[in-house]
C-alpha cells in the first residue's frame, strides 16, 4: 500500500471493459486503486480477471464499518449519461453515486470521462450537468482525444473503437499531485 488511494468509478459503457488497464496504470504510478462499478458496468467487467483488483459493490449494511479509505483522487471512466446527470443533480441513491457526491463535496481531485452517444448528449441535461460538474471542479476529459474541458459525443456504433483507443494517462496525469 502506498497510502495514495484512487477510486476508479466505472459505468456501463465499452470503456468499462478496459478498467483493469486503468487499475494497472494507476498501480504503476504508485496509487492504491479501488474499482467501484455501477450496476450497469458489471456485465462489462464479468469477462475480466479481477482477482487482483479490489472491487467494491453495493451499499454497506447498517453497523458495518467503512470498506475503503477516503480517496486522494477519483477517476470516473467511463461516465455515462445516467451517472453524469444523477451526480450533477446530487442524487446519491447507489454506492457509486454516493461515493461521487461525497468526493465532490470534499473537493477531492476528480476527473471524469463522459461516454454518451449523440442522442443522449443532445438532451439538455447533458450540457447542464457537464457545466455543474465543471463549476464544482471536476476535470472533464474527452474519451476520443484526451482533450481537457470539451467532450464530443460518441458516434453510434463506435464505442468499442473509442474504448480501444483510450489512453489511461489522459485521466491519471490530471490527478497526480
C-alpha atoms as a PDB file:
ATOM      1  CA  UNK A   1       0.000   0.000   0.000  1.00  0.00           C
ATOM      2  CA  UNK A   2       1.316   3.400  -0.988  1.00  0.00           C
ATOM      3  CA  UNK A   3      -1.041   5.459   1.086  1.00  0.00           C
ATOM      4  CA  UNK A   4      -2.484   7.160  -2.033  1.00  0.00           C
ATOM      5  CA  UNK A   5      -5.984   5.882  -2.687  1.00  0.00           C
ATOM      6  CA  UNK A   6      -7.585   6.249  -6.113  1.00  0.00           C
ATOM      7  CA  UNK A   7     -11.219   5.396  -6.676  1.00  0.00           C
ATOM      8  CA  UNK A   8     -11.935   4.297 -10.234  1.00  0.00           C
ATOM      9  CA  UNK A   9     -15.696   4.554 -10.706  1.00  0.00           C
ATOM     10  CA  UNK A  10     -16.785   2.829 -13.882  1.00  0.00           C
ATOM     11  CA  UNK A  11     -20.164   2.889 -15.598  1.00  0.00           C
ATOM     12  CA  UNK A  12     -21.855   0.678 -18.199  1.00  0.00           C
ATOM     13  CA  UNK A  13     -20.198   1.595 -21.485  1.00  0.00           C
ATOM     14  CA  UNK A  14     -17.468  -0.012 -23.641  1.00  0.00           C
ATOM     15  CA  UNK A  15     -14.594   1.682 -21.805  1.00  0.00           C
ATOM     16  CA  UNK A  16     -15.575  -0.289 -18.679  1.00  0.00           C
ATOM     17  CA  UNK A  17     -14.132  -3.368 -20.399  1.00  0.00           C
ATOM     18  CA  UNK A  18     -10.705  -1.721 -20.026  1.00  0.00           C
ATOM     19  CA  UNK A  19     -10.999  -0.959 -16.305  1.00  0.00           C
ATOM     20  CA  UNK A  20      -8.226  -3.419 -15.451  1.00  0.00           C
ATOM     21  CA  UNK A  21      -5.877  -1.448 -17.720  1.00  0.00           C
ATOM     22  CA  UNK A  22      -6.707   1.658 -15.682  1.00  0.00           C
ATOM     23  CA  UNK A  23      -6.100  -0.206 -12.421  1.00  0.00           C
ATOM     24  CA  UNK A  24      -2.682  -1.434 -13.608  1.00  0.00           C
ATOM     25  CA  UNK A  25      -1.682   2.011 -14.912  1.00  0.00           C
ATOM     26  CA  UNK A  26      -2.698   3.544 -11.567  1.00  0.00           C
ATOM     27  CA  UNK A  27      -0.648   0.954  -9.659  1.00  0.00           C
ATOM     28  CA  UNK A  28       2.355   1.640 -11.880  1.00  0.00           C
ATOM     29  CA  UNK A  29       2.039   5.284 -10.832  1.00  0.00           C
ATOM     30  CA  UNK A  30       2.026   4.452  -7.119  1.00  0.00           C
ATOM     31  CA  UNK A  31      -1.726   4.517  -6.430  1.00  0.00           C
ATOM     32  CA  UNK A  32      -3.747   2.018  -4.421  1.00  0.00           C
ATOM     33  CA  UNK A  33      -6.704   1.785  -6.819  1.00  0.00           C
ATOM     34  CA  UNK A  34     -10.181   0.625  -5.847  1.00  0.00           C
ATOM     35  CA  UNK A  35     -12.715  -0.220  -8.541  1.00  0.00           C
ATOM     36  CA  UNK A  36     -16.273   0.958  -7.853  1.00  0.00           C
ATOM     37  CA  UNK A  37     -18.598  -0.171 -10.656  1.00  0.00           C
ATOM     38  CA  UNK A  38     -22.178   0.875 -11.234  1.00  0.00           C
ATOM     39  CA  UNK A  39     -24.684  -1.942 -11.660  1.00  0.00           C
ATOM     40  CA  UNK A  40     -24.668  -1.264 -15.408  1.00  0.00           C
ATOM     41  CA  UNK A  41     -20.873  -1.734 -15.518  1.00  0.00           C
ATOM     42  CA  UNK A  42     -20.953  -5.248 -14.040  1.00  0.00           C
ATOM     43  CA  UNK A  43     -21.681  -7.032 -17.374  1.00  0.00           C
ATOM     44  CA  UNK A  44     -18.709  -5.243 -18.954  1.00  0.00           C
ATOM     45  CA  UNK A  45     -16.463  -6.417 -16.092  1.00  0.00           C
ATOM     46  CA  UNK A  46     -17.611 -10.052 -15.878  1.00  0.00           C
ATOM     47  CA  UNK A  47     -15.232 -11.338 -18.594  1.00  0.00           C
ATOM     48  CA  UNK A  48     -12.244  -9.636 -16.936  1.00  0.00           C
ATOM     49  CA  UNK A  49      -9.799 -11.180 -14.493  1.00  0.00           C
ATOM     50  CA  UNK A  50     -10.416  -9.100 -11.386  1.00  0.00           C
ATOM     51  CA  UNK A  51      -8.653 -11.480  -8.999  1.00  0.00           C
ATOM     52  CA  UNK A  52      -6.016  -8.886  -8.065  1.00  0.00           C
ATOM     53  CA  UNK A  53      -8.406  -5.910  -8.061  1.00  0.00           C
ATOM     54  CA  UNK A  54     -10.235  -4.528  -5.043  1.00  0.00           C
ATOM     55  CA  UNK A  55     -13.832  -4.188  -6.240  1.00  0.00           C
ATOM     56  CA  UNK A  56     -16.487  -2.584  -4.037  1.00  0.00           C
ATOM     57  CA  UNK A  57     -20.152  -3.005  -4.921  1.00  0.00           C
ATOM     58  CA  UNK A  58     -23.398  -2.326  -3.136  1.00  0.00           C
ATOM     59  CA  UNK A  59     -24.062  -0.285  -0.040  1.00  0.00           C
ATOM     60  CA  UNK A  60     -22.674  -1.419   3.278  1.00  0.00           C
ATOM     61  CA  UNK A  61     -25.003  -2.818   5.886  1.00  0.00           C
ATOM     62  CA  UNK A  62     -26.049  -0.851   8.962  1.00  0.00           C
ATOM     63  CA  UNK A  63     -23.314  -1.128  11.570  1.00  0.00           C
ATOM     64  CA  UNK A  64     -20.792  -2.404   9.034  1.00  0.00           C
ATOM     65  CA  UNK A  65     -17.505  -0.460   9.100  1.00  0.00           C
ATOM     66  CA  UNK A  66     -16.405   1.583   6.105  1.00  0.00           C
ATOM     67  CA  UNK A  67     -14.921  -0.692   3.491  1.00  0.00           C
ATOM     68  CA  UNK A  68     -12.452   1.691   1.890  1.00  0.00           C
ATOM     69  CA  UNK A  69     -10.203   4.536   2.971  1.00  0.00           C
ATOM     70  CA  UNK A  70     -11.125   8.024   1.770  1.00  0.00           C
ATOM     71  CA  UNK A  71      -9.868   8.791  -1.730  1.00  0.00           C
ATOM     72  CA  UNK A  72      -6.978  11.059  -2.578  1.00  0.00           C
ATOM     73  CA  UNK A  73      -8.347  11.247  -6.124  1.00  0.00           C
ATOM     74  CA  UNK A  74     -11.227   9.917  -8.210  1.00  0.00           C
ATOM     75  CA  UNK A  75     -11.428   8.968 -11.871  1.00  0.00           C
ATOM     76  CA  UNK A  76     -14.840   8.257 -13.427  1.00  0.00           C
ATOM     77  CA  UNK A  77     -14.246   6.345 -16.655  1.00  0.00           C
ATOM     78  CA  UNK A  78     -16.441   5.845 -18.476  1.00  0.00           C
ATOM     79  CA  UNK A  79     -19.105   8.207 -17.164  1.00  0.00           C
ATOM     80  CA  UNK A  80     -22.491   7.533 -18.716  1.00  0.00           C
ATOM     81  CA  UNK A  81     -25.352   9.978 -19.214  1.00  0.00           C
ATOM     82  CA  UNK A  82     -27.203   8.416 -16.284  1.00  0.00           C
ATOM     83  CA  UNK A  83     -24.312   8.836 -13.858  1.00  0.00           C
ATOM     84  CA  UNK A  84     -23.447  12.305 -15.157  1.00  0.00           C
ATOM     85  CA  UNK A  85     -26.938  13.710 -14.688  1.00  0.00           C
ATOM     86  CA  UNK A  86     -27.590  11.967 -11.369  1.00  0.00           C
ATOM     87  CA  UNK A  87     -24.224  13.065  -9.941  1.00  0.00           C
ATOM     88  CA  UNK A  88     -24.643  16.675 -11.073  1.00  0.00           C
ATOM     89  CA  UNK A  89     -28.107  16.666  -9.501  1.00  0.00           C
ATOM     90  CA  UNK A  90     -26.749  15.361  -6.181  1.00  0.00           C
ATOM     91  CA  UNK A  91     -28.557  12.039  -6.393  1.00  0.00           C
ATOM     92  CA  UNK A  92     -26.822   9.619  -4.030  1.00  0.00           C
ATOM     93  CA  UNK A  93     -29.000   6.509  -4.248  1.00  0.00           C
ATOM     94  CA  UNK A  94     -26.276   3.968  -5.118  1.00  0.00           C
ATOM     95  CA  UNK A  95     -22.823   3.341  -3.686  1.00  0.00           C
ATOM     96  CA  UNK A  96     -21.028   4.743  -6.776  1.00  0.00           C
ATOM     97  CA  UNK A  97     -23.184   7.896  -6.774  1.00  0.00           C
ATOM     98  CA  UNK A  98     -22.837   8.363  -3.019  1.00  0.00           C
ATOM     99  CA  UNK A  99     -19.073   7.998  -3.455  1.00  0.00           C
ATOM    100  CA  UNK A 100     -19.015  10.596  -6.244  1.00  0.00           C
ATOM    101  CA  UNK A 101     -21.237  13.062  -4.390  1.00  0.00           C
ATOM    102  CA  UNK A 102     -19.135  12.749  -1.237  1.00  0.00           C
ATOM    103  CA  UNK A 103     -15.880  13.209  -3.173  1.00  0.00           C
ATOM    104  CA  UNK A 104     -17.277  16.301  -4.869  1.00  0.00           C
ATOM    105  CA  UNK A 105     -18.404  17.751  -1.546  1.00  0.00           C
ATOM    106  CA  UNK A 106     -14.987  17.031  -0.018  1.00  0.00           C
ATOM    107  CA  UNK A 107     -13.256  18.660  -3.018  1.00  0.00           C
ATOM    108  CA  UNK A 108     -11.281  15.525  -3.856  1.00  0.00           C
ATOM    109  CA  UNK A 109      -9.461  15.943  -7.205  1.00  0.00           C
ATOM    110  CA  UNK A 110     -11.740  14.275  -9.739  1.00  0.00           C
ATOM    111  CA  UNK A 111     -11.507  13.548 -13.455  1.00  0.00           C
ATOM    112  CA  UNK A 112     -14.492  12.337 -15.477  1.00  0.00           C
ATOM    113  CA  UNK A 113     -14.504  10.779 -18.936  1.00  0.00           C
ATOM    114  CA  UNK A 114     -18.024  11.169 -20.380  1.00  0.00           C
ATOM    115  CA  UNK A 115     -19.161   8.441 -22.748  1.00  0.00           C
ATOM    116  CA  UNK A 116     -22.519   9.032 -24.426  1.00  0.00           C
ATOM    117  CA  UNK A 117     -23.974   8.837 -27.922  1.00  0.00           C
ATOM    118  CA  UNK A 118     -25.338  11.850 -29.830  1.00  0.00           C
ATOM    119  CA  UNK A 119     -28.947  11.232 -28.862  1.00  0.00           C
ATOM    120  CA  UNK A 120     -28.222  11.322 -25.114  1.00  0.00           C
ATOM    121  CA  UNK A 121     -25.665  14.108 -25.436  1.00  0.00           C
ATOM    122  CA  UNK A 122     -28.334  16.111 -27.260  1.00  0.00           C
ATOM    123  CA  UNK A 123     -30.566  16.125 -24.196  1.00  0.00           C
ATOM    124  CA  UNK A 124     -30.449  19.494 -22.362  1.00  0.00           C
ATOM    125  CA  UNK A 125     -29.443  17.783 -19.108  1.00  0.00           C
ATOM    126  CA  UNK A 126     -26.145  16.687 -20.711  1.00  0.00           C
ATOM    127  CA  UNK A 127     -24.678  20.180 -21.150  1.00  0.00           C
ATOM    128  CA  UNK A 128     -26.220  21.456 -17.924  1.00  0.00           C
ATOM    129  CA  UNK A 129     -24.747  18.552 -15.947  1.00  0.00           C
ATOM    130  CA  UNK A 130     -21.310  18.964 -17.506  1.00  0.00           C
ATOM    131  CA  UNK A 131     -21.434  22.659 -16.562  1.00  0.00           C
ATOM    132  CA  UNK A 132     -22.385  21.875 -12.958  1.00  0.00           C
ATOM    133  CA  UNK A 133     -19.543  19.382 -12.575  1.00  0.00           C
ATOM    134  CA  UNK A 134     -17.006  21.705 -14.218  1.00  0.00           C
ATOM    135  CA  UNK A 135     -18.040  24.546 -11.904  1.00  0.00           C
ATOM    136  CA  UNK A 136     -17.617  22.188  -8.956  1.00  0.00           C
ATOM    137  CA  UNK A 137     -14.027  21.459 -10.007  1.00  0.00           C
ATOM    138  CA  UNK A 138     -14.360  18.190 -11.928  1.00  0.00           C
ATOM    139  CA  UNK A 139     -11.957  17.952 -14.857  1.00  0.00           C
ATOM    140  CA  UNK A 140     -13.698  16.644 -17.972  1.00  0.00           C
ATOM    141  CA  UNK A 141     -11.665  14.602 -20.479  1.00  0.00           C
ATOM    142  CA  UNK A 142     -12.787  13.626 -23.971  1.00  0.00           C
ATOM    143  CA  UNK A 143     -12.539   9.817 -24.390  1.00  0.00           C
ATOM    144  CA  UNK A 144     -11.600  10.054 -28.072  1.00  0.00           C
ATOM    145  CA  UNK A 145      -8.873  12.688 -27.941  1.00  0.00           C
ATOM    146  CA  UNK A 146      -7.871  13.235 -24.323  1.00  0.00           C
ATOM    147  CA  UNK A 147      -8.744  16.915 -24.704  1.00  0.00           C
ATOM    148  CA  UNK A 148      -9.479  18.592 -21.392  1.00  0.00           C
ATOM    149  CA  UNK A 149     -12.622  20.650 -20.949  1.00  0.00           C
ATOM    150  CA  UNK A 150     -14.587  19.682 -24.023  1.00  0.00           C
ATOM    151  CA  UNK A 151     -16.169  16.411 -24.957  1.00  0.00           C
ATOM    152  CA  UNK A 152     -17.744  15.230 -28.162  1.00  0.00           C
ATOM    153  CA  UNK A 153     -20.485  12.607 -28.201  1.00  0.00           C
ATOM    154  CA  UNK A 154     -19.543   9.078 -29.191  1.00  0.00           C
ATOM    155  CA  UNK A 155     -20.607   8.198 -32.724  1.00  0.00           C
ATOM    156  CA  UNK A 156     -23.190   5.419 -32.575  1.00  0.00           C
ATOM    157  CA  UNK A 157     -21.509   2.050 -33.121  1.00  0.00           C
ATOM    158  CA  UNK A 158     -18.000   3.369 -32.439  1.00  0.00           C
ATOM    159  CA  UNK A 159     -17.878   2.858 -28.669  1.00  0.00           C
ATOM    160  CA  UNK A 160     -15.593  -0.158 -28.777  1.00  0.00           C
ATOM    161  CA  UNK A 161     -13.166   1.632 -31.113  1.00  0.00           C
ATOM    162  CA  UNK A 162     -13.142   4.701 -28.856  1.00  0.00           C
ATOM    163  CA  UNK A 163     -12.528   2.455 -25.830  1.00  0.00           C
ATOM    164  CA  UNK A 164      -9.686   0.648 -27.629  1.00  0.00           C
ATOM    165  CA  UNK A 165      -8.004   3.975 -28.442  1.00  0.00           C
ATOM    166  CA  UNK A 166      -8.412   5.445 -24.963  1.00  0.00           C
ATOM    167  CA  UNK A 167      -5.183   6.206 -23.071  1.00  0.00           C
ATOM    168  CA  UNK A 168      -5.444   5.958 -19.272  1.00  0.00           C
ATOM    169  CA  UNK A 169      -2.714   8.593 -18.771  1.00  0.00           C
ATOM    170  CA  UNK A 170      -5.170  11.163 -20.157  1.00  0.00           C
ATOM    171  CA  UNK A 171      -7.101  10.957 -16.882  1.00  0.00           C
ATOM    172  CA  UNK A 172      -4.399   9.764 -14.495  1.00  0.00           C
ATOM    173  CA  UNK A 173      -1.983  12.573 -15.392  1.00  0.00           C
ATOM    174  CA  UNK A 174      -4.631  15.039 -14.215  1.00  0.00           C
ATOM    175  CA  UNK A 175      -4.964  13.601 -10.698  1.00  0.00           C
ATOM    176  CA  UNK A 176      -1.260  13.456  -9.953  1.00  0.00           C
ATOM    177  CA  UNK A 177      -0.222  15.731  -7.077  1.00  0.00           C
END
